[in-house]
Each structure stands twice: as C-alpha cells, then as structure tokens.
C-alpha cells in the first residue's frame, strides 16, 4: 500500500466515524446531545476536508482549482448532502417515513450524479 493511500485511509476512517457519531448524537433525541453532536460532527467534517487537501498535496496537484466545474461540483455535492440529510431528518425526527425515504432517494440520486460529472462518461 502506498503512503498516500494509507494516510487517506486513516484520515477518512477517523473523519467519517466522528462525522457519523456527531450526526447520531445530534439527531437522536434519546441521547440528548445536540450541541456535543454538532461539535463532534464538525470536527469530523474538518478532518475529512483536511484529508482531501492532504491527498491532493501528496498527489502533487494544486490544493484547490477554482473554476466553473469545481463550483458546480461543489454546489451539486452540497445540494445532494442537504437533500439526503433532510430525508434522514424526516424519517428519524419528524416521523414521516414514506416521504423521508422518497426525499432521501432524491438526495442519493443527486450524489450519484457527481460520478459522471467528475469522472466523465466514456
């Protein structure tokens, strides 16, 4: 395993676990840990962002390239994540099972659209 792959693996696992734990802490009313969950989730998100920047640096690429495609990709990623999160809230917090699943599927489809947008179709 290459060094950059190992660093990416470790940082993504730690960031992903912290982000997921923070979401659970914030969304589950039984845990009564909304503030702590937001903090833990934010730390996980920062680690994941740092992982992306470290990976680009280890690949010898510039940190961030600002152009239209990058902005569109980021906008689609944020929109897909928000729609998926709203669907999760509808199911877990607001007891709207069917509508929440439908909204979550729309969010997943938006996130799946990132693959051809970033990699392109051949």
Protein backbone atom coordinates (compact mmCIF):
# COMPACT_ATOMS: atom_id res chain seq x y z
CA UNK A 1 0.00 0.00 0.00
CA UNK A 2 1.32 3.42 -0.92
CA UNK A 3 1.87 6.01 1.75
CA UNK A 4 -0.74 8.39 0.31
CA UNK A 5 -3.35 5.61 0.25
CA UNK A 6 -2.62 4.70 3.87
CA UNK A 7 -2.83 8.32 5.03
CA UNK A 8 -6.09 8.75 3.11
CA UNK A 9 -7.48 5.56 4.66
CA UNK A 10 -6.64 6.56 8.23
CA UNK A 11 -7.89 10.15 7.90
CA UNK A 12 -11.10 9.16 6.11
CA UNK A 13 -11.95 6.48 8.68
CA UNK A 14 -11.37 8.82 11.62
CA UNK A 15 -13.21 11.73 9.97
CA UNK A 16 -16.08 9.54 8.79
CA UNK A 17 -16.56 7.95 12.21
CA UNK A 18 -16.51 11.29 14.01
CA UNK A 19 -18.92 12.80 11.48
CA UNK A 20 -21.32 9.85 11.71
CA UNK A 21 -21.17 9.78 15.51
CA UNK A 22 -21.83 13.52 15.63
CA UNK A 23 -24.85 13.10 13.37
CA UNK A 24 -26.22 10.36 15.61
CA UNK A 25 -25.62 12.46 18.71
CA UNK A 26 -27.41 15.42 17.16
CA UNK A 27 -30.34 13.57 15.58
CA UNK A 28 -31.30 11.04 18.24
CA UNK A 29 -33.40 12.78 20.88
CA UNK A 30 -32.85 9.90 23.31
CA UNK A 31 -29.15 10.78 23.51
CA UNK A 32 -29.89 14.44 24.39
CA UNK A 33 -26.55 15.57 22.96
CA UNK A 34 -27.39 18.07 20.24
CA UNK A 35 -24.64 20.59 21.00
CA UNK A 36 -21.98 17.94 21.54
CA UNK A 37 -23.10 16.16 18.37
CA UNK A 38 -22.73 19.30 16.31
CA UNK A 39 -19.21 19.82 17.67
CA UNK A 40 -18.13 16.21 17.05
CA UNK A 41 -19.68 16.24 13.56
CA UNK A 42 -17.92 19.50 12.70
CA UNK A 43 -14.57 18.06 13.84
CA UNK A 44 -15.19 15.02 11.61
CA UNK A 45 -16.04 17.26 8.65
CA UNK A 46 -12.85 19.29 9.18
CA UNK A 47 -10.78 16.09 9.26
CA UNK A 48 -12.42 14.91 6.02
CA UNK A 49 -11.72 18.26 4.36
CA UNK A 50 -8.11 18.13 5.55
CA UNK A 51 -7.86 14.58 4.17
CA UNK A 52 -8.90 15.79 0.73
CA UNK A 53 -6.34 18.60 0.81
CA UNK A 54 -3.56 16.31 2.09
CA UNK A 55 -4.33 13.75 -0.62
CA UNK A 56 -4.12 16.40 -3.34
CA UNK A 57 -0.82 17.63 -1.91
CA UNK A 58 0.59 14.06 -1.86
CA UNK A 59 -0.51 13.60 -5.49
CA UNK A 60 1.42 16.73 -6.45
CA UNK A 61 -1.73 18.58 -7.52
CA UNK A 62 -2.63 22.13 -6.57
CA UNK A 63 -4.71 22.41 -3.39
CA UNK A 64 -7.84 23.93 -4.92
CA UNK A 65 -8.53 24.83 -8.53
CA UNK A 66 -11.30 27.41 -8.72
CA UNK A 67 -13.26 27.25 -11.97
CA UNK A 68 -16.84 26.71 -13.10
CA UNK A 69 -16.68 22.94 -12.97
CA UNK A 70 -15.34 22.96 -9.42
CA UNK A 71 -18.04 25.38 -8.29
CA UNK A 72 -20.78 23.31 -9.98
CA UNK A 73 -19.45 20.11 -8.48
CA UNK A 74 -19.34 21.64 -5.00
CA UNK A 75 -22.85 23.05 -5.42
CA UNK A 76 -24.23 19.68 -6.52
CA UNK A 77 -22.45 17.91 -3.65
CA UNK A 78 -23.83 20.33 -1.06
CA UNK A 79 -27.34 20.16 -2.52
CA UNK A 80 -27.27 16.35 -2.57
CA UNK A 81 -25.99 16.15 1.00
CA UNK A 82 -28.62 18.60 2.25
CA UNK A 83 -31.46 16.77 0.48
CA UNK A 84 -30.24 13.43 1.83
CA UNK A 85 -29.97 14.94 5.33
CA UNK A 86 -33.47 16.37 5.14
CA UNK A 87 -34.76 12.92 4.15
CA UNK A 88 -32.96 11.42 7.16
CA UNK A 89 -34.48 14.04 9.46
CA UNK A 90 -37.93 13.39 8.04
CA UNK A 91 -37.59 9.70 8.87
CA UNK A 92 -35.74 9.86 12.19
CA UNK A 93 -37.00 13.07 13.79
CA UNK A 94 -40.29 14.06 12.21
CA UNK A 95 -41.83 10.55 11.80
CA UNK A 96 -42.52 10.97 8.08
CA UNK A 97 -41.31 7.56 6.91
CA UNK A 98 -42.55 7.34 3.30
CA UNK A 99 -41.85 10.98 2.37
CA UNK A 100 -38.49 10.87 4.13
CA UNK A 101 -37.43 7.80 2.18
CA UNK A 102 -38.51 9.47 -1.07
CA UNK A 103 -36.57 12.66 -0.28
CA UNK A 104 -33.55 10.58 0.78
CA UNK A 105 -33.60 8.69 -2.53
CA UNK A 106 -33.63 12.01 -4.40
CA UNK A 107 -30.57 13.07 -2.37
CA UNK A 108 -28.80 9.81 -3.19
CA UNK A 109 -29.54 10.29 -6.90
CA UNK A 110 -28.12 13.82 -6.73
CA UNK A 111 -24.96 12.48 -5.11
CA UNK A 112 -24.71 9.71 -7.70
CA UNK A 113 -24.79 12.41 -10.40
CA UNK A 114 -21.42 13.53 -9.08
CA UNK A 115 -19.72 10.44 -10.55
CA UNK A 116 -20.28 11.26 -14.24
CA UNK A 117 -19.79 14.95 -13.51
CA UNK A 118 -16.35 14.41 -12.01
CA UNK A 119 -15.11 11.37 -13.94
CA UNK A 120 -16.98 11.98 -17.18
CA UNK A 121 -18.65 9.45 -19.46
CA UNK A 122 -16.64 7.38 -21.91
